[in-house]
Amino acid sequence: YISTKNKNGMWQPARNAGPAINSSGLDYCPFIDFPRNKFYFTSNRGSIPEKNLTEVAQFRNEANKTLNGYDNIYQIDLSALKLK
C-alpha cells in the first residue's frame, strides 16, 4: 500500500500499489530513490524449493541462488506507482 500527501500536506488514505508490488507473499521495506526514479522493496513472492537437502553445502547453494523463494530485493520505475 502507498499513501501520499495532498497539496495541503495532509496524508491521503492508503491505496493498493497494484500487482507490480503487492503479491500473495510478504512485501515490505519500501524505499524510494527519487534521483534514480526507482522504487525498491523486499518480497518473498517466490516459492521455496521443495528439495530434500541433506547437506549444508546443498542448502547454501540453493539459498544463494537469485529468486530462491526466500526474501529478495525488487525494483520498479517510480512512475509505475502512479503517485499523482
PDB file of N, CA and C in Angstrom:
ATOM      1  N   TYR A   1       0.835  -1.188   0.000  1.00  0.00           N
ATOM      2  CA  TYR A   1       0.000   0.000   0.000  1.00  0.00           C
ATOM      3  C   TYR A   1       0.874   1.244   0.000  1.00  0.00           C
ATOM      4  N   ILE A   2       0.320   2.329  -0.517  1.00  0.00           N
ATOM      5  CA  ILE A   2       1.070   3.572  -0.591  1.00  0.00           C
ATOM      6  C   ILE A   2       0.131   4.737  -0.261  1.00  0.00           C
ATOM      7  N   SER A   3       0.683   5.731   0.391  1.00  0.00           N
ATOM      8  CA  SER A   3      -0.073   6.924   0.727  1.00  0.00           C
ATOM      9  C   SER A   3       0.766   8.144   0.357  1.00  0.00           C
ATOM     10  N   THR A   4       0.110   9.183  -0.111  1.00  0.00           N
ATOM     11  CA  THR A   4       0.786  10.431  -0.465  1.00  0.00           C
ATOM     12  C   THR A   4       0.095  11.586   0.259  1.00  0.00           C
ATOM     13  N   LYS A   5       0.766  12.715   0.279  1.00  0.00           N
ATOM     14  CA  LYS A   5       0.183  13.910   0.886  1.00  0.00           C
ATOM     15  C   LYS A   5      -0.492  14.744  -0.198  1.00  0.00           C
ATOM     16  N   ASN A   6      -1.577  15.406   0.177  1.00  0.00           N
ATOM     17  CA  ASN A   6      -2.237  16.296  -0.774  1.00  0.00           C
ATOM     18  C   ASN A   6      -1.536  17.653  -0.770  1.00  0.00           C
ATOM     19  N   LYS A   7      -2.057  18.607  -1.524  1.00  0.00           N
ATOM     20  CA  LYS A   7      -1.392  19.914  -1.640  1.00  0.00           C
ATOM     21  C   LYS A   7      -1.366  20.677  -0.318  1.00  0.00           C
ATOM     22  N   ASN A   8      -2.202  20.297   0.643  1.00  0.00           N
ATOM     23  CA  ASN A   8      -2.220  20.935   1.961  1.00  0.00           C
ATOM     24  C   ASN A   8      -1.322  20.218   2.973  1.00  0.00           C
ATOM     25  N   GLY A   9      -0.623  19.180   2.518  1.00  0.00           N
ATOM     26  CA  GLY A   9       0.279  18.442   3.399  1.00  0.00           C
ATOM     27  C   GLY A   9      -0.395  17.387   4.250  1.00  0.00           C
ATOM     28  N   MET A  10      -1.649  17.059   3.946  1.00  0.00           N
ATOM     29  CA  MET A  10      -2.376  16.042   4.703  1.00  0.00           C
ATOM     30  C   MET A  10      -2.233  14.681   4.010  1.00  0.00           C
ATOM     31  N   TRP A  11      -1.985  13.642   4.825  1.00  0.00           N
ATOM     32  CA  TRP A  11      -1.871  12.297   4.271  1.00  0.00           C
ATOM     33  C   TRP A  11      -3.216  11.826   3.741  1.00  0.00           C
ATOM     34  N   GLN A  12      -3.193  11.217   2.589  1.00  0.00           N
ATOM     35  CA  GLN A  12      -4.389  10.669   1.962  1.00  0.00           C
ATOM     36  C   GLN A  12      -4.528   9.194   2.351  1.00  0.00           C
ATOM     37  N   PRO A  13      -5.723   8.626   2.208  1.00  0.00           N
ATOM     38  CA  PRO A  13      -5.894   7.200   2.540  1.00  0.00           C
ATOM     39  C   PRO A  13      -4.938   6.325   1.720  1.00  0.00           C
ATOM     40  N   ALA A  14      -4.412   5.306   2.355  1.00  0.00           N
ATOM     41  CA  ALA A  14      -3.517   4.376   1.655  1.00  0.00           C
ATOM     42  C   ALA A  14      -4.308   3.603   0.610  1.00  0.00           C
ATOM     43  N   ARG A  15      -3.641   3.301  -0.496  1.00  0.00           N
ATOM     44  CA  ARG A  15      -4.286   2.515  -1.543  1.00  0.00           C
ATOM     45  C   ARG A  15      -3.332   1.405  -1.997  1.00  0.00           C
ATOM     46  N   ASN A  16      -3.907   0.368  -2.530  1.00  0.00           N
ATOM     47  CA  ASN A  16      -3.133  -0.770  -3.010  1.00  0.00           C
ATOM     48  C   ASN A  16      -2.210  -0.296  -4.122  1.00  0.00           C
ATOM     49  N   ALA A  17      -0.950  -0.687  -4.060  1.00  0.00           N
ATOM     50  CA  ALA A  17       0.040  -0.242  -5.041  1.00  0.00           C
ATOM     51  C   ALA A  17      -0.020  -1.037  -6.343  1.00  0.00           C
ATOM     52  N   GLY A  18      -0.846  -2.042  -6.414  1.00  0.00           N
ATOM     53  CA  GLY A  18      -1.016  -2.803  -7.651  1.00  0.00           C
ATOM     54  C   GLY A  18      -0.150  -4.042  -7.723  1.00  0.00           C
ATOM     55  N   PRO A  19      -0.369  -4.856  -8.748  1.00  0.00           N
ATOM     56  CA  PRO A  19       0.296  -6.152  -8.854  1.00  0.00           C
ATOM     57  C   PRO A  19       1.808  -6.088  -9.077  1.00  0.00           C
ATOM     58  N   ALA A  20       2.323  -4.943  -9.502  1.00  0.00           N
ATOM     59  CA  ALA A  20       3.780  -4.839  -9.665  1.00  0.00           C
ATOM     60  C   ALA A  20       4.478  -4.914  -8.308  1.00  0.00           C
ATOM     61  N   ILE A  21       3.758  -4.563  -7.238  1.00  0.00           N
ATOM     62  CA  ILE A  21       4.336  -4.574  -5.897  1.00  0.00           C
ATOM     63  C   ILE A  21       3.615  -5.554  -4.989  1.00  0.00           C
ATOM     64  N   ASN A  22       2.305  -5.417  -4.865  1.00  0.00           N
ATOM     65  CA  ASN A  22       1.545  -6.270  -3.953  1.00  0.00           C
ATOM     66  C   ASN A  22       1.411  -7.679  -4.513  1.00  0.00           C
ATOM     67  N   SER A  23       1.796  -8.657  -3.712  1.00  0.00           N
ATOM     68  CA  SER A  23       1.709 -10.049  -4.133  1.00  0.00           C
ATOM     69  C   SER A  23       1.025 -10.853  -3.033  1.00  0.00           C
ATOM     70  N   SER A  24       0.906 -12.140  -3.239  1.00  0.00           N
ATOM     71  CA  SER A  24       0.339 -13.008  -2.204  1.00  0.00           C
ATOM     72  C   SER A  24       1.361 -13.292  -1.109  1.00  0.00           C
ATOM     73  N   GLY A  25       2.619 -12.928  -1.347  1.00  0.00           N
ATOM     74  CA  GLY A  25       3.664 -13.105  -0.342  1.00  0.00           C
ATOM     75  C   GLY A  25       3.792 -11.882   0.543  1.00  0.00           C
ATOM     76  N   LEU A  26       4.824 -11.852   1.326  1.00  0.00           N
ATOM     77  CA  LEU A  26       5.099 -10.717   2.203  1.00  0.00           C
ATOM     78  C   LEU A  26       5.929  -9.698   1.432  1.00  0.00           C
ATOM     79  N   ASP A  27       5.411  -8.490   1.267  1.00  0.00           N
ATOM     80  CA  ASP A  27       6.083  -7.397   0.562  1.00  0.00           C
ATOM     81  C   ASP A  27       6.355  -6.303   1.588  1.00  0.00           C
ATOM     82  N   TYR A  28       7.621  -5.907   1.746  1.00  0.00           N
ATOM     83  CA  TYR A  28       7.960  -4.990   2.838  1.00  0.00           C
ATOM     84  C   TYR A  28       9.232  -4.196   2.540  1.00  0.00           C
ATOM     85  N   CYS A  29       9.586  -3.322   3.456  1.00  0.00           N
ATOM     86  CA  CYS A  29      10.788  -2.470   3.393  1.00  0.00           C
ATOM     87  C   CYS A  29      10.851  -1.633   2.116  1.00  0.00           C
ATOM     88  N   PRO A  30       9.825  -0.831   1.844  1.00  0.00           N
ATOM     89  CA  PRO A  30       9.873   0.001   0.641  1.00  0.00           C
ATOM     90  C   PRO A  30      10.894   1.124   0.786  1.00  0.00           C
ATOM     91  N   PHE A  31      11.480   1.513  -0.339  1.00  0.00           N
ATOM     92  CA  PHE A  31      12.445   2.608  -0.372  1.00  0.00           C
ATOM     93  C   PHE A  31      12.313   3.317  -1.707  1.00  0.00           C
ATOM     94  N   ILE A  32      12.155   4.631  -1.684  1.00  0.00           N
ATOM     95  CA  ILE A  32      12.067   5.417  -2.919  1.00  0.00           C
ATOM     96  C   ILE A  32      13.389   6.139  -3.144  1.00  0.00           C
ATOM     97  N   ASP A  33      13.943   5.958  -4.323  1.00  0.00           N
ATOM     98  CA  ASP A  33      15.180   6.623  -4.741  1.00  0.00           C
ATOM     99  C   ASP A  33      14.776   7.652  -5.800  1.00  0.00           C
ATOM    100  N   PHE A  34      14.452   8.867  -5.342  1.00  0.00           N
ATOM    101  CA  PHE A  34      13.977   9.902  -6.263  1.00  0.00           C
ATOM    102  C   PHE A  34      14.997  10.269  -7.343  1.00  0.00           C
ATOM    103  N   PRO A  35      16.308  10.434  -7.030  1.00  0.00           N
ATOM    104  CA  PRO A  35      17.254  10.795  -8.089  1.00  0.00           C
ATOM    105  C   PRO A  35      17.319   9.784  -9.236  1.00  0.00           C
ATOM    106  N   ARG A  36      17.107   8.509  -8.939  1.00  0.00           N
ATOM    107  CA  ARG A  36      17.168   7.472  -9.972  1.00  0.00           C
ATOM    108  C   ARG A  36      15.777   7.039 -10.448  1.00  0.00           C
ATOM    109  N   ASN A  37      14.727   7.655  -9.862  1.00  0.00           N
ATOM    110  CA  ASN A  37      13.356   7.351 -10.236  1.00  0.00           C
ATOM    111  C   ASN A  37      13.029   5.866 -10.071  1.00  0.00           C
ATOM    112  N   LYS A  38      13.464   5.292  -8.933  1.00  0.00           N
ATOM    113  CA  LYS A  38      13.256   3.869  -8.673  1.00  0.00           C
ATOM    114  C   LYS A  38      12.544   3.651  -7.346  1.00  0.00           C
ATOM    115  N   PHE A  39      11.785   2.581  -7.275  1.00  0.00           N
ATOM    116  CA  PHE A  39      11.126   2.137  -6.055  1.00  0.00           C
ATOM    117  C   PHE A  39      11.658   0.744  -5.766  1.00  0.00           C
ATOM    118  N   TYR A  40      12.227   0.557  -4.593  1.00  0.00           N
ATOM    119  CA  TYR A  40      12.786  -0.727  -4.179  1.00  0.00           C
ATOM    120  C   TYR A  40      11.931  -1.304  -3.056  1.00  0.00           C
ATOM    121  N   PHE A  41      11.826  -2.612  -3.005  1.00  0.00           N
ATOM    122  CA  PHE A  41      11.116  -3.274  -1.918  1.00  0.00           C
ATOM    123  C   PHE A  41      11.598  -4.717  -1.816  1.00  0.00           C
ATOM    124  N   THR A  42      11.315  -5.320  -0.700  1.00  0.00           N
ATOM    125  CA  THR A  42      11.686  -6.709  -0.460  1.00  0.00           C
ATOM    126  C   THR A  42      10.418  -7.551  -0.500  1.00  0.00           C
ATOM    127  N   SER A  43      10.530  -8.758  -1.015  1.00  0.00           N
ATOM    128  CA  SER A  43       9.369  -9.642  -1.095  1.00  0.00           C
ATOM    129  C   SER A  43       9.822 -11.096  -1.046  1.00  0.00           C
ATOM    130  N   ASN A  44       8.952 -11.929  -0.493  1.00  0.00           N
ATOM    131  CA  ASN A  44       9.201 -13.371  -0.561  1.00  0.00           C
ATOM    132  C   ASN A  44       8.164 -14.008  -1.482  1.00  0.00           C
ATOM    133  N   ARG A  45       7.841 -13.313  -2.575  1.00  0.00           N
ATOM    134  CA  ARG A  45       6.815 -13.739  -3.510  1.00  0.00           C
ATOM    135  C   ARG A  45       7.161 -15.023  -4.256  1.00  0.00           C
ATOM    136  N   GLY A  46       8.395 -15.426  -4.249  1.00  0.00           N
ATOM    137  CA  GLY A  46       8.779 -16.668  -4.912  1.00  0.00           C
ATOM    138  C   GLY A  46       8.365 -17.868  -4.091  1.00  0.00           C
ATOM    139  N   SER A  47       8.573 -19.025  -4.620  1.00  0.00           N
ATOM    140  CA  SER A  47       8.270 -20.230  -3.857  1.00  0.00           C
ATOM    141  C   SER A  47       9.567 -20.882  -3.408  1.00  0.00           C
ATOM    142  N   ILE A  48       9.567 -21.341  -2.193  1.00  0.00           N
ATOM    143  CA  ILE A  48      10.753 -22.012  -1.652  1.00  0.00           C
ATOM    144  C   ILE A  48      10.821 -23.403  -2.261  1.00  0.00           C
ATOM    145  N   PRO A  49      11.954 -23.745  -2.868  1.00  0.00           N
ATOM    146  CA  PRO A  49      12.071 -25.061  -3.497  1.00  0.00           C
ATOM    147  C   PRO A  49      11.845 -26.181  -2.485  1.00  0.00           C
ATOM    148  N   GLU A  50      11.038 -27.148  -2.876  1.00  0.00           N
ATOM    149  CA  GLU A  50      10.790 -28.287  -2.001  1.00  0.00           C
ATOM    150  C   GLU A  50      11.759 -29.398  -2.370  1.00  0.00           C
ATOM    151  N   LYS A  51      12.965 -29.260  -1.856  1.00  0.00           N
ATOM    152  CA  LYS A  51      14.003 -30.247  -2.130  1.00  0.00           C
ATOM    153  C   LYS A  51      14.449 -30.850  -0.814  1.00  0.00           C
ATOM    154  N   ASN A  52      14.803 -32.081  -0.858  1.00  0.00           N
ATOM    155  CA  ASN A  52      15.320 -32.746   0.328  1.00  0.00           C
ATOM    156  C   ASN A  52      16.822 -32.488   0.382  1.00  0.00           C
ATOM    157  N   LEU A  53      17.193 -31.429   1.083  1.00  0.00           N
ATOM    158  CA  LEU A  53      18.597 -31.040   1.164  1.00  0.00           C
ATOM    159  C   LEU A  53      19.218 -31.726   2.370  1.00  0.00           C
ATOM    160  N   THR A  54      20.131 -32.627   2.095  1.00  0.00           N
ATOM    161  CA  THR A  54      20.711 -33.421   3.173  1.00  0.00           C
ATOM    162  C   THR A  54      22.060 -32.895   3.631  1.00  0.00           C
ATOM    163  N   GLU A  55      22.633 -31.974   2.893  1.00  0.00           N
ATOM    164  CA  GLU A  55      23.946 -31.438   3.251  1.00  0.00           C
ATOM    165  C   GLU A  55      23.880 -29.924   3.348  1.00  0.00           C
ATOM    166  N   VAL A  56      24.681 -29.385   4.234  1.00  0.00           N
ATOM    167  CA  VAL A  56      24.752 -27.937   4.409  1.00  0.00           C
ATOM    168  C   VAL A  56      25.174 -27.276   3.107  1.00  0.00           C
ATOM    169  N   ALA A  57      26.090 -27.862   2.384  1.00  0.00           N
ATOM    170  CA  ALA A  57      26.562 -27.287   1.122  1.00  0.00           C
ATOM    171  C   ALA A  57      25.417 -27.186   0.109  1.00  0.00           C
ATOM    172  N   GLN A  58      24.539 -28.193   0.083  1.00  0.00           N
ATOM    173  CA  GLN A  58      23.389 -28.155  -0.827  1.00  0.00           C
ATOM    174  C   GLN A  58      22.462 -27.000  -0.458  1.00  0.00           C
ATOM    175  N   PHE A  59      22.200 -26.838   0.841  1.00  0.00           N
ATOM    176  CA  PHE A  59      21.329 -25.759   1.296  1.00  0.00           C
ATOM    177  C   PHE A  59      21.920 -24.405   0.936  1.00  0.00           C
ATOM    178  N   ARG A  60      23.200 -24.220   1.206  1.00  0.00           N
ATOM    179  CA  ARG A  60      23.848 -22.938   0.876  1.00  0.00           C
ATOM    180  C   ARG A  60      23.750 -22.643  -0.608  1.00  0.00           C
ATOM    181  N   ASN A  61      23.961 -23.642  -1.423  1.00  0.00           N
ATOM    182  CA  ASN A  61      23.880 -23.464  -2.871  1.00  0.00           C
ATOM    183  C   ASN A  61      22.487 -23.006  -3.284  1.00  0.00           C
ATOM    184  N   GLU A  62      21.452 -23.647  -2.763  1.00  0.00           N
ATOM    185  CA  GLU A  62      20.077 -23.262  -3.085  1.00  0.00           C
ATOM    186  C   GLU A  62      19.728 -21.886  -2.528  1.00  0.00           C
ATOM    187  N   ALA A  63      20.126 -21.606  -1.298  1.00  0.00           N
ATOM    188  CA  ALA A  63      19.788 -20.341  -0.649  1.00  0.00           C
ATOM    189  C   ALA A  63      20.465 -19.155  -1.318  1.00  0.00           C
ATOM    190  N   ASN A  64      21.610 -19.357  -1.935  1.00  0.00           N
ATOM    191  CA  ASN A  64      22.341 -18.260  -2.565  1.00  0.00           C
ATOM    192  C   ASN A  64      21.939 -17.999  -4.005  1.00  0.00           C
ATOM    193  N   LYS A  65      20.992 -18.743  -4.518  1.00  0.00           N
ATOM    194  CA  LYS A  65      20.508 -18.501  -5.875  1.00  0.00           C
ATOM    195  C   LYS A  65      19.580 -17.288  -5.885  1.00  0.00           C
ATOM    196  N   THR A  66      19.603 -16.564  -6.988  1.00  0.00           N
ATOM    197  CA  THR A  66      18.670 -15.456  -7.159  1.00  0.00           C
ATOM    198  C   THR A  66      17.261 -16.023  -7.296  1.00  0.00           C
ATOM    199  N   LEU A  67      16.285 -15.310  -6.744  1.00  0.00           N
ATOM    200  CA  LEU A  67      14.880 -15.726  -6.785  1.00  0.00           C
ATOM    201  C   LEU A  67      14.706 -17.139  -6.241  1.00  0.00           C
ATOM    202  N   ASN A  68      15.299 -17.362  -5.083  1.00  0.00           N
ATOM    203  CA  ASN A  68      15.286 -18.674  -4.457  1.00  0.00           C
ATOM    204  C   ASN A  68      14.018 -18.954  -3.662  1.00  0.00           C
ATOM    205  N   GLY A  69      13.089 -18.013  -3.601  1.00  0.00           N
ATOM    206  CA  GLY A  69      11.874 -18.195  -2.825  1.00  0.00           C
ATOM    207  C   GLY A  69      11.975 -17.586  -1.449  1.00  0.00           C
ATOM    208  N   TYR A  70      13.180 -17.276  -1.041  1.00  0.00           N
ATOM    209  CA  TYR A  70      13.357 -16.551   0.210  1.00  0.00           C
ATOM    210  C   TYR A  70      13.241 -15.067  -0.144  1.00  0.00           C
ATOM    211  N   ASP A  71      13.468 -14.188   0.774  1.00  0.00           N
ATOM    212  CA  ASP A  71      13.271 -12.769   0.510  1.00  0.00           C
ATOM    213  C   ASP A  71      14.312 -12.218  -0.470  1.00  0.00           C
ATOM    214  N   ASN A  72      13.825 -11.465  -1.454  1.00  0.00           N
ATOM    215  CA  ASN A  72      14.669 -10.856  -2.471  1.00  0.00           C
ATOM    216  C   ASN A  72      14.313  -9.382  -2.609  1.00  0.00           C
ATOM    217  N   ILE A  73      15.232  -8.603  -3.154  1.00  0.00           N
ATOM    218  CA  ILE A  73      15.009  -7.180  -3.377  1.00  0.00           C
ATOM    219  C   ILE A  73      14.586  -6.982  -4.828  1.00  0.00           C
ATOM    220  N   TYR A  74      13.520  -6.204  -5.010  1.00  0.00           N
ATOM    221  CA  TYR A  74      12.984  -5.899  -6.333  1.00  0.00           C
ATOM    222  C   TYR A  74      13.025  -4.397  -6.562  1.00  0.00           C
ATOM    223  N   GLN A  75      13.027  -3.994  -7.816  1.00  0.00           N
ATOM    224  CA  GLN A  75      12.956  -2.567  -8.150  1.00  0.00           C
ATOM    225  C   GLN A  75      12.022  -2.380  -9.326  1.00  0.00           C
ATOM    226  N   ILE A  76      11.312  -1.254  -9.309  1.00  0.00           N
ATOM    227  CA  ILE A  76      10.476  -0.858 -10.437  1.00  0.00           C
ATOM    228  C   ILE A  76      10.668   0.643 -10.638  1.00  0.00           C
ATOM    229  N   ASP A  77      10.287   1.127 -11.799  1.00  0.00           N
ATOM    230  CA  ASP A  77      10.320   2.564 -12.043  1.00  0.00           C
ATOM    231  C   ASP A  77       9.276   3.221 -11.154  1.00  0.00           C
ATOM    232  N   LEU A  78       9.636   4.359 -10.609  1.00  0.00           N
ATOM    233  CA  LEU A  78       8.743   5.105  -9.724  1.00  0.00           C
ATOM    234  C   LEU A  78       7.446   5.468 -10.433  1.00  0.00           C
ATOM    235  N   SER A  79       7.504   5.678 -11.736  1.00  0.00           N
ATOM    236  CA  SER A  79       6.314   6.053 -12.497  1.00  0.00           C
ATOM    237  C   SER A  79       5.238   4.959 -12.450  1.00  0.00           C
ATOM    238  N   ALA A  80       5.624   3.722 -12.189  1.00  0.00           N
ATOM    239  CA  ALA A  80       4.660   2.620 -12.123  1.00  0.00           C
ATOM    240  C   ALA A  80       3.754   2.734 -10.906  1.00  0.00           C
ATOM    241  N   LEU A  81       4.141   3.530  -9.915  1.00  0.00           N
ATOM    242  CA  LEU A  81       3.319   3.701  -8.707  1.00  0.00           C
ATOM    243  C   LEU A  81       2.165   4.656  -8.912  1.00  0.00           C
ATOM    244  N   LYS A  82       2.203   5.467  -9.943  1.00  0.00           N
ATOM    245  CA  LYS A  82       1.150   6.456 -10.222  1.00  0.00           C
ATOM    246  C   LYS A  82       0.847   7.247  -8.949  1.00  0.00           C
ATOM    247  N   LEU A  83       1.853   7.957  -8.461  1.00  0.00           N
ATOM    248  CA  LEU A  83       1.738   8.691  -7.208  1.00  0.00           C
ATOM    249  C   LEU A  83       0.759   9.854  -7.265  1.00  0.00           C
ATOM    250  N   LYS A  84       0.485  10.375  -8.438  1.00  0.00           N
ATOM    251  CA  LYS A  84      -0.392  11.546  -8.535  1.00  0.00           C
ATOM    252  C   LYS A  84      -1.749  11.188  -9.045  1.00  0.00           C
TER     253      LYS A  84
END
